[in-house]
Amino acid sequence: GWTTFESAVSTEALVRLAYFPGLSKLLEERLPPKVIEIDGEGPRVAEAEDRADEGMGPRNKRVIAAIKEASFTGKGDKPVVVELYREYAVKVNIAMARSGEVPKGEYEGEYNAAGEREGRGVMRFANGNVYDGEWK
C-alpha cells in the first residue's frame, strides 16, 4: 500500500507539469532530475505515464482507488494514506498555480478569421473535464 502512495507522489509533479509547459521548461533547464527509474536495463530519468487525455481529476480518482485496493499492515493506514495523497496533490497544484502560468488545456476544433474558437470543437481541460459542442 505504501509503495502505491510513494509511486503516486513521486510522479505527481511530473504529471501536473504536462499542463504547465512554461514551468516545466524552466524547471528542466534549472534543476537536475529528482526521480530516477532503477528497473529495466539501467537507471534512467523517470517520465510521466502517457495519459495525456486522462486529466488530473481522473488521475486522482485512479490513484485513490489504487490506494484503497492496496494492502497495508497497519489497520488504520489506508484512510491515512488516502488523505496524505489528497493533501499532497493539493499542495503540488497550489504551488504550480502560484507560478502564474495558466494550466494548459487542449482544444480541437474550428476557429474564426480572428483565430478565436468558433464553431464545433472539443476542449479537454487539465482537470479532466471535457466540453464538446459549439463555440461562439
N, C-alpha and C. Protein backbone atom coordinates (compact mmCIF):
# COMPACT_ATOMS: atom_id res chain seq x y z
N GLY A 1 0.80 -1.20 0.00
CA GLY A 1 0.00 0.00 0.00
C GLY A 1 0.85 1.27 0.00
N TRP A 2 1.86 1.26 0.87
CA TRP A 2 2.71 2.45 0.94
C TRP A 2 3.48 2.66 -0.36
N THR A 3 3.82 1.59 -1.06
CA THR A 3 4.55 1.75 -2.33
C THR A 3 3.66 2.38 -3.40
N THR A 4 2.37 2.10 -3.35
CA THR A 4 1.42 2.75 -4.27
C THR A 4 1.41 4.25 -4.02
N PHE A 5 1.38 4.63 -2.76
CA PHE A 5 1.44 6.04 -2.37
C PHE A 5 2.75 6.68 -2.84
N GLU A 6 3.86 6.00 -2.58
CA GLU A 6 5.17 6.54 -2.95
C GLU A 6 5.29 6.74 -4.45
N SER A 7 4.79 5.80 -5.24
CA SER A 7 4.82 5.94 -6.70
C SER A 7 3.98 7.14 -7.15
N ALA A 8 2.83 7.30 -6.53
CA ALA A 8 1.94 8.40 -6.91
C ALA A 8 2.54 9.76 -6.58
N VAL A 9 3.06 9.93 -5.37
CA VAL A 9 3.59 11.24 -5.00
C VAL A 9 4.91 11.54 -5.71
N SER A 10 5.69 10.52 -6.03
CA SER A 10 6.96 10.78 -6.70
C SER A 10 6.76 11.24 -8.14
N THR A 11 5.61 10.94 -8.74
CA THR A 11 5.35 11.36 -10.12
C THR A 11 4.28 12.45 -10.22
N GLU A 12 3.71 12.87 -9.10
CA GLU A 12 2.62 13.85 -9.12
C GLU A 12 3.02 15.14 -9.84
N ALA A 13 4.15 15.69 -9.48
CA ALA A 13 4.58 16.95 -10.11
C ALA A 13 4.89 16.73 -11.58
N LEU A 14 5.51 15.61 -11.93
CA LEU A 14 5.81 15.32 -13.33
C LEU A 14 4.53 15.32 -14.17
N VAL A 15 3.50 14.67 -13.66
CA VAL A 15 2.24 14.59 -14.39
C VAL A 15 1.59 15.97 -14.51
N ARG A 16 1.57 16.71 -13.42
CA ARG A 16 0.94 18.04 -13.45
C ARG A 16 1.70 19.02 -14.34
N LEU A 17 3.01 18.84 -14.48
CA LEU A 17 3.79 19.73 -15.34
C LEU A 17 3.37 19.65 -16.80
N ALA A 18 2.72 18.58 -17.20
CA ALA A 18 2.22 18.47 -18.57
C ALA A 18 1.24 19.59 -18.89
N TYR A 19 0.60 20.13 -17.85
CA TYR A 19 -0.38 21.21 -18.04
C TYR A 19 0.23 22.59 -17.79
N PHE A 20 1.50 22.63 -17.47
CA PHE A 20 2.22 23.88 -17.24
C PHE A 20 3.52 23.83 -18.05
N PRO A 21 3.44 23.92 -19.39
CA PRO A 21 4.64 23.74 -20.21
C PRO A 21 5.74 24.77 -19.95
N GLY A 22 5.37 25.99 -19.64
CA GLY A 22 6.38 27.02 -19.34
C GLY A 22 7.15 26.70 -18.07
N LEU A 23 6.44 26.33 -17.03
CA LEU A 23 7.06 25.96 -15.77
C LEU A 23 7.89 24.69 -15.94
N SER A 24 7.38 23.75 -16.72
CA SER A 24 8.11 22.51 -16.98
C SER A 24 9.45 22.79 -17.64
N LYS A 25 9.45 23.66 -18.65
CA LYS A 25 10.69 24.00 -19.36
C LYS A 25 11.68 24.70 -18.42
N LEU A 26 11.19 25.62 -17.63
CA LEU A 26 12.03 26.34 -16.69
C LEU A 26 12.69 25.39 -15.69
N LEU A 27 11.91 24.50 -15.12
CA LEU A 27 12.45 23.55 -14.14
C LEU A 27 13.45 22.60 -14.79
N GLU A 28 13.13 22.18 -16.01
CA GLU A 28 14.03 21.28 -16.73
C GLU A 28 15.39 21.94 -16.98
N GLU A 29 15.37 23.24 -17.26
CA GLU A 29 16.61 23.97 -17.53
C GLU A 29 17.43 24.21 -16.26
N ARG A 30 16.75 24.36 -15.12
CA ARG A 30 17.45 24.78 -13.90
C ARG A 30 17.72 23.69 -12.87
N LEU A 31 16.98 22.60 -12.93
CA LEU A 31 17.12 21.57 -11.89
C LEU A 31 17.44 20.21 -12.50
N PRO A 32 18.32 19.47 -11.86
CA PRO A 32 18.56 18.10 -12.33
C PRO A 32 17.36 17.23 -11.98
N PRO A 33 17.14 16.14 -12.69
CA PRO A 33 16.02 15.24 -12.39
C PRO A 33 16.12 14.70 -10.97
N LYS A 34 15.00 14.55 -10.31
CA LYS A 34 14.98 14.05 -8.93
C LYS A 34 14.44 12.62 -8.85
N VAL A 35 13.72 12.18 -9.89
CA VAL A 35 13.13 10.85 -9.86
C VAL A 35 13.82 10.00 -10.92
N ILE A 36 14.46 8.93 -10.48
CA ILE A 36 15.20 8.04 -11.36
C ILE A 36 14.58 6.64 -11.29
N GLU A 37 14.28 6.07 -12.44
CA GLU A 37 13.78 4.69 -12.51
C GLU A 37 14.99 3.76 -12.43
N ILE A 38 14.90 2.73 -11.62
CA ILE A 38 16.02 1.82 -11.49
C ILE A 38 15.67 0.41 -11.95
N ASP A 39 14.48 0.26 -12.56
CA ASP A 39 14.14 -1.05 -13.10
C ASP A 39 14.60 -1.13 -14.55
N GLY A 40 14.52 -2.28 -15.15
CA GLY A 40 14.90 -2.41 -16.56
C GLY A 40 16.39 -2.57 -16.74
N GLU A 41 16.91 -2.04 -17.84
CA GLU A 41 18.31 -2.24 -18.20
C GLU A 41 19.28 -1.35 -17.45
N GLY A 42 18.81 -0.29 -16.86
CA GLY A 42 19.71 0.59 -16.13
C GLY A 42 18.98 1.83 -15.67
N PRO A 43 19.62 2.62 -14.82
CA PRO A 43 18.98 3.84 -14.33
C PRO A 43 18.64 4.81 -15.46
N ARG A 44 17.48 5.43 -15.36
CA ARG A 44 17.06 6.44 -16.34
C ARG A 44 16.15 7.43 -15.64
N VAL A 45 16.04 8.62 -16.21
CA VAL A 45 15.16 9.65 -15.66
C VAL A 45 13.72 9.19 -15.81
N ALA A 46 12.97 9.28 -14.74
CA ALA A 46 11.56 8.87 -14.78
C ALA A 46 10.75 9.83 -15.63
N GLU A 47 9.79 9.28 -16.33
CA GLU A 47 8.88 10.08 -17.14
C GLU A 47 7.46 9.82 -16.68
N ALA A 48 6.60 10.82 -16.87
CA ALA A 48 5.21 10.64 -16.50
C ALA A 48 4.56 9.63 -17.44
N GLU A 49 3.59 8.90 -16.92
CA GLU A 49 2.87 7.96 -17.75
C GLU A 49 2.20 8.72 -18.88
N ASP A 50 2.09 8.09 -20.03
CA ASP A 50 1.48 8.73 -21.18
C ASP A 50 -0.04 8.62 -21.07
N ARG A 51 -0.64 9.52 -20.33
CA ARG A 51 -2.09 9.56 -20.15
C ARG A 51 -2.56 11.00 -20.35
N ALA A 52 -2.14 11.59 -21.46
CA ALA A 52 -2.43 13.00 -21.72
C ALA A 52 -3.93 13.30 -21.71
N ASP A 53 -4.74 12.35 -22.14
CA ASP A 53 -6.18 12.58 -22.20
C ASP A 53 -6.87 12.35 -20.85
N GLU A 54 -6.12 11.82 -19.88
CA GLU A 54 -6.74 11.45 -18.61
C GLU A 54 -7.17 12.66 -17.80
N GLY A 55 -6.35 13.69 -17.71
CA GLY A 55 -6.68 14.83 -16.87
C GLY A 55 -6.36 14.54 -15.41
N MET A 56 -6.22 15.59 -14.61
CA MET A 56 -5.82 15.42 -13.22
C MET A 56 -6.93 14.84 -12.34
N GLY A 57 -8.18 15.22 -12.59
CA GLY A 57 -9.28 14.68 -11.79
C GLY A 57 -9.36 13.16 -11.90
N PRO A 58 -9.40 12.62 -13.13
CA PRO A 58 -9.41 11.16 -13.27
C PRO A 58 -8.15 10.50 -12.72
N ARG A 59 -6.98 11.15 -12.85
CA ARG A 59 -5.75 10.57 -12.29
C ARG A 59 -5.89 10.44 -10.77
N ASN A 60 -6.36 11.52 -10.13
CA ASN A 60 -6.52 11.48 -8.67
C ASN A 60 -7.46 10.35 -8.25
N LYS A 61 -8.58 10.19 -8.97
CA LYS A 61 -9.52 9.10 -8.65
C LYS A 61 -8.87 7.74 -8.84
N ARG A 62 -8.08 7.60 -9.90
CA ARG A 62 -7.40 6.33 -10.17
C ARG A 62 -6.39 6.00 -9.07
N VAL A 63 -5.61 7.01 -8.66
CA VAL A 63 -4.61 6.80 -7.61
C VAL A 63 -5.29 6.45 -6.29
N ILE A 64 -6.33 7.18 -5.93
CA ILE A 64 -7.05 6.90 -4.68
C ILE A 64 -7.66 5.50 -4.71
N ALA A 65 -8.22 5.10 -5.85
CA ALA A 65 -8.77 3.74 -5.97
C ALA A 65 -7.67 2.69 -5.78
N ALA A 66 -6.49 2.95 -6.35
CA ALA A 66 -5.37 2.00 -6.21
C ALA A 66 -4.92 1.91 -4.75
N ILE A 67 -4.89 3.05 -4.06
CA ILE A 67 -4.52 3.03 -2.64
C ILE A 67 -5.56 2.25 -1.84
N LYS A 68 -6.83 2.46 -2.13
CA LYS A 68 -7.90 1.76 -1.40
C LYS A 68 -7.89 0.25 -1.66
N GLU A 69 -7.40 -0.16 -2.83
CA GLU A 69 -7.33 -1.58 -3.16
C GLU A 69 -6.06 -2.23 -2.61
N ALA A 70 -5.08 -1.43 -2.24
CA ALA A 70 -3.78 -1.95 -1.79
C ALA A 70 -3.88 -2.55 -0.39
N SER A 71 -2.89 -3.36 -0.06
CA SER A 71 -2.82 -3.97 1.27
C SER A 71 -1.88 -3.17 2.17
N PHE A 72 -2.29 -3.01 3.41
CA PHE A 72 -1.49 -2.31 4.42
C PHE A 72 -1.34 -3.21 5.63
N THR A 73 -0.20 -3.13 6.30
CA THR A 73 -0.01 -3.93 7.51
C THR A 73 -0.73 -3.31 8.70
N GLY A 74 -0.77 -1.99 8.77
CA GLY A 74 -1.46 -1.32 9.87
C GLY A 74 -2.94 -1.17 9.57
N LYS A 75 -3.79 -1.44 10.55
CA LYS A 75 -5.24 -1.40 10.34
C LYS A 75 -5.74 -0.02 9.93
N GLY A 76 -5.18 1.03 10.48
CA GLY A 76 -5.67 2.37 10.19
C GLY A 76 -4.90 3.10 9.11
N ASP A 77 -3.98 2.42 8.44
CA ASP A 77 -3.13 3.10 7.45
C ASP A 77 -3.87 3.57 6.21
N LYS A 78 -4.80 2.76 5.69
CA LYS A 78 -5.43 3.06 4.41
C LYS A 78 -6.07 4.45 4.36
N PRO A 79 -6.96 4.82 5.30
CA PRO A 79 -7.56 6.15 5.23
C PRO A 79 -6.54 7.27 5.45
N VAL A 80 -5.51 7.00 6.23
CA VAL A 80 -4.46 7.99 6.45
C VAL A 80 -3.69 8.24 5.16
N VAL A 81 -3.37 7.18 4.45
CA VAL A 81 -2.61 7.30 3.21
C VAL A 81 -3.43 8.00 2.13
N VAL A 82 -4.72 7.69 2.05
CA VAL A 82 -5.59 8.39 1.09
C VAL A 82 -5.57 9.89 1.37
N GLU A 83 -5.71 10.26 2.62
CA GLU A 83 -5.71 11.68 2.99
C GLU A 83 -4.35 12.32 2.73
N LEU A 84 -3.27 11.61 3.02
CA LEU A 84 -1.93 12.13 2.74
C LEU A 84 -1.76 12.42 1.24
N TYR A 85 -2.25 11.52 0.39
CA TYR A 85 -2.16 11.73 -1.06
C TYR A 85 -2.98 12.95 -1.47
N ARG A 86 -4.20 13.04 -0.97
CA ARG A 86 -5.06 14.18 -1.32
C ARG A 86 -4.39 15.51 -0.93
N GLU A 87 -3.87 15.56 0.27
CA GLU A 87 -3.21 16.79 0.75
C GLU A 87 -1.99 17.12 -0.11
N TYR A 88 -1.21 16.12 -0.45
CA TYR A 88 -0.01 16.34 -1.26
C TYR A 88 -0.39 16.85 -2.66
N ALA A 89 -1.40 16.23 -3.28
CA ALA A 89 -1.83 16.64 -4.61
C ALA A 89 -2.30 18.10 -4.61
N VAL A 90 -3.03 18.48 -3.58
CA VAL A 90 -3.50 19.87 -3.47
C VAL A 90 -2.30 20.82 -3.34
N LYS A 91 -1.33 20.47 -2.51
CA LYS A 91 -0.16 21.34 -2.32
C LYS A 91 0.65 21.49 -3.60
N VAL A 92 0.82 20.41 -4.35
CA VAL A 92 1.54 20.49 -5.62
C VAL A 92 0.78 21.38 -6.60
N ASN A 93 -0.54 21.21 -6.65
CA ASN A 93 -1.36 22.01 -7.55
C ASN A 93 -1.28 23.50 -7.19
N ILE A 94 -1.36 23.81 -5.91
CA ILE A 94 -1.28 25.21 -5.46
C ILE A 94 0.07 25.80 -5.82
N ALA A 95 1.14 25.04 -5.60
CA ALA A 95 2.48 25.54 -5.92
C ALA A 95 2.60 25.86 -7.40
N MET A 96 2.08 25.00 -8.24
CA MET A 96 2.18 25.25 -9.68
C MET A 96 1.27 26.39 -10.10
N ALA A 97 0.11 26.49 -9.51
CA ALA A 97 -0.80 27.59 -9.84
C ALA A 97 -0.19 28.93 -9.45
N ARG A 98 0.58 28.95 -8.38
CA ARG A 98 1.23 30.19 -7.94
C ARG A 98 2.37 30.61 -8.86
N SER A 99 2.73 29.75 -9.81
CA SER A 99 3.77 30.13 -10.77
C SER A 99 3.27 31.23 -11.69
N GLY A 100 1.96 31.41 -11.75
CA GLY A 100 1.37 32.44 -12.60
C GLY A 100 0.98 31.93 -13.97
N GLU A 101 1.41 30.74 -14.32
CA GLU A 101 1.06 30.17 -15.63
C GLU A 101 -0.34 29.57 -15.57
N VAL A 102 -1.12 29.83 -16.59
CA VAL A 102 -2.46 29.27 -16.68
C VAL A 102 -2.34 27.82 -17.16
N PRO A 103 -3.00 26.86 -16.48
CA PRO A 103 -2.89 25.46 -16.91
C PRO A 103 -3.34 25.28 -18.35
N LYS A 104 -2.58 24.48 -19.07
CA LYS A 104 -2.85 24.22 -20.47
C LYS A 104 -4.03 23.27 -20.60
N GLY A 105 -4.87 23.55 -21.56
CA GLY A 105 -5.91 22.63 -21.98
C GLY A 105 -5.69 22.36 -23.46
N GLU A 106 -6.39 21.40 -23.98
CA GLU A 106 -6.22 21.07 -25.39
C GLU A 106 -7.54 21.29 -26.12
N TYR A 107 -7.49 22.08 -27.20
CA TYR A 107 -8.67 22.37 -28.00
C TYR A 107 -8.48 21.80 -29.39
N GLU A 108 -9.48 21.09 -29.86
CA GLU A 108 -9.52 20.62 -31.24
C GLU A 108 -10.83 21.09 -31.82
N GLY A 109 -10.76 21.88 -32.88
CA GLY A 109 -12.00 22.33 -33.47
C GLY A 109 -11.79 23.48 -34.43
N GLU A 110 -12.88 24.17 -34.68
CA GLU A 110 -12.89 25.25 -35.66
C GLU A 110 -12.54 26.58 -35.02
N TYR A 111 -11.95 27.45 -35.85
CA TYR A 111 -11.59 28.81 -35.45
C TYR A 111 -12.19 29.79 -36.44
N ASN A 112 -12.40 31.04 -35.99
CA ASN A 112 -12.86 32.08 -36.91
C ASN A 112 -11.65 32.78 -37.53
N ALA A 113 -11.91 33.80 -38.35
CA ALA A 113 -10.83 34.52 -39.05
C ALA A 113 -9.88 35.22 -38.08
N ALA A 114 -10.36 35.57 -36.88
CA ALA A 114 -9.52 36.25 -35.88
C ALA A 114 -8.70 35.26 -35.05
N GLY A 115 -8.83 33.96 -35.35
CA GLY A 115 -8.07 32.95 -34.61
C GLY A 115 -8.71 32.54 -33.30
N GLU A 116 -9.98 32.91 -33.09
CA GLU A 116 -10.68 32.55 -31.86
C GLU A 116 -11.49 31.27 -32.08
N ARG A 117 -11.70 30.55 -31.00
CA ARG A 117 -12.51 29.33 -31.09
C ARG A 117 -13.94 29.71 -31.50
N GLU A 118 -14.40 29.12 -32.58
CA GLU A 118 -15.77 29.39 -33.03
C GLU A 118 -16.22 28.23 -33.90
N GLY A 119 -17.44 27.77 -33.65
CA GLY A 119 -17.97 26.62 -34.37
C GLY A 119 -17.87 25.38 -33.52
N ARG A 120 -17.76 24.26 -34.14
CA ARG A 120 -17.72 22.98 -33.44
C ARG A 120 -16.32 22.72 -32.90
N GLY A 121 -16.23 22.26 -31.63
CA GLY A 121 -14.93 21.97 -31.06
C GLY A 121 -15.01 21.20 -29.75
N VAL A 122 -13.87 20.61 -29.37
CA VAL A 122 -13.75 19.85 -28.13
C VAL A 122 -12.61 20.45 -27.32
N MET A 123 -12.87 20.80 -26.06
CA MET A 123 -11.85 21.32 -25.16
C MET A 123 -11.67 20.34 -24.03
N ARG A 124 -10.42 19.89 -23.84
CA ARG A 124 -10.07 19.00 -22.73
C ARG A 124 -9.30 19.83 -21.71
N PHE A 125 -9.90 20.03 -20.55
CA PHE A 125 -9.29 20.84 -19.50
C PHE A 125 -8.32 20.01 -18.67
N ALA A 126 -7.39 20.67 -17.99
CA ALA A 126 -6.37 20.00 -17.19
C ALA A 126 -6.96 19.13 -16.09
N ASN A 127 -8.15 19.48 -15.60
CA ASN A 127 -8.75 18.70 -14.51
C ASN A 127 -9.50 17.46 -15.00
N GLY A 128 -9.52 17.27 -16.33
CA GLY A 128 -10.19 16.10 -16.89
C GLY A 128 -11.56 16.40 -17.46
N ASN A 129 -12.12 17.58 -17.20
CA ASN A 129 -13.40 17.94 -17.78
C ASN A 129 -13.26 18.09 -19.29
N VAL A 130 -14.34 17.78 -20.00
CA VAL A 130 -14.35 17.89 -21.45
C VAL A 130 -15.60 18.64 -21.86
N TYR A 131 -15.43 19.65 -22.73
CA TYR A 131 -16.57 20.33 -23.33
C TYR A 131 -16.56 20.00 -24.81
N ASP A 132 -17.64 19.42 -25.29
CA ASP A 132 -17.77 19.05 -26.69
C ASP A 132 -19.02 19.74 -27.20
N GLY A 133 -18.83 20.77 -28.04
CA GLY A 133 -20.00 21.49 -28.51
C GLY A 133 -19.65 22.69 -29.35
N GLU A 134 -20.56 23.64 -29.36
CA GLU A 134 -20.41 24.85 -30.16
C GLU A 134 -19.72 25.95 -29.40
N TRP A 135 -18.85 26.68 -30.08
CA TRP A 135 -18.11 27.81 -29.52
C TRP A 135 -18.53 29.08 -30.25
N LYS A 136 -18.68 30.17 -29.51
CA LYS A 136 -19.02 31.47 -30.11
C LYS A 136 -18.04 32.50 -29.65
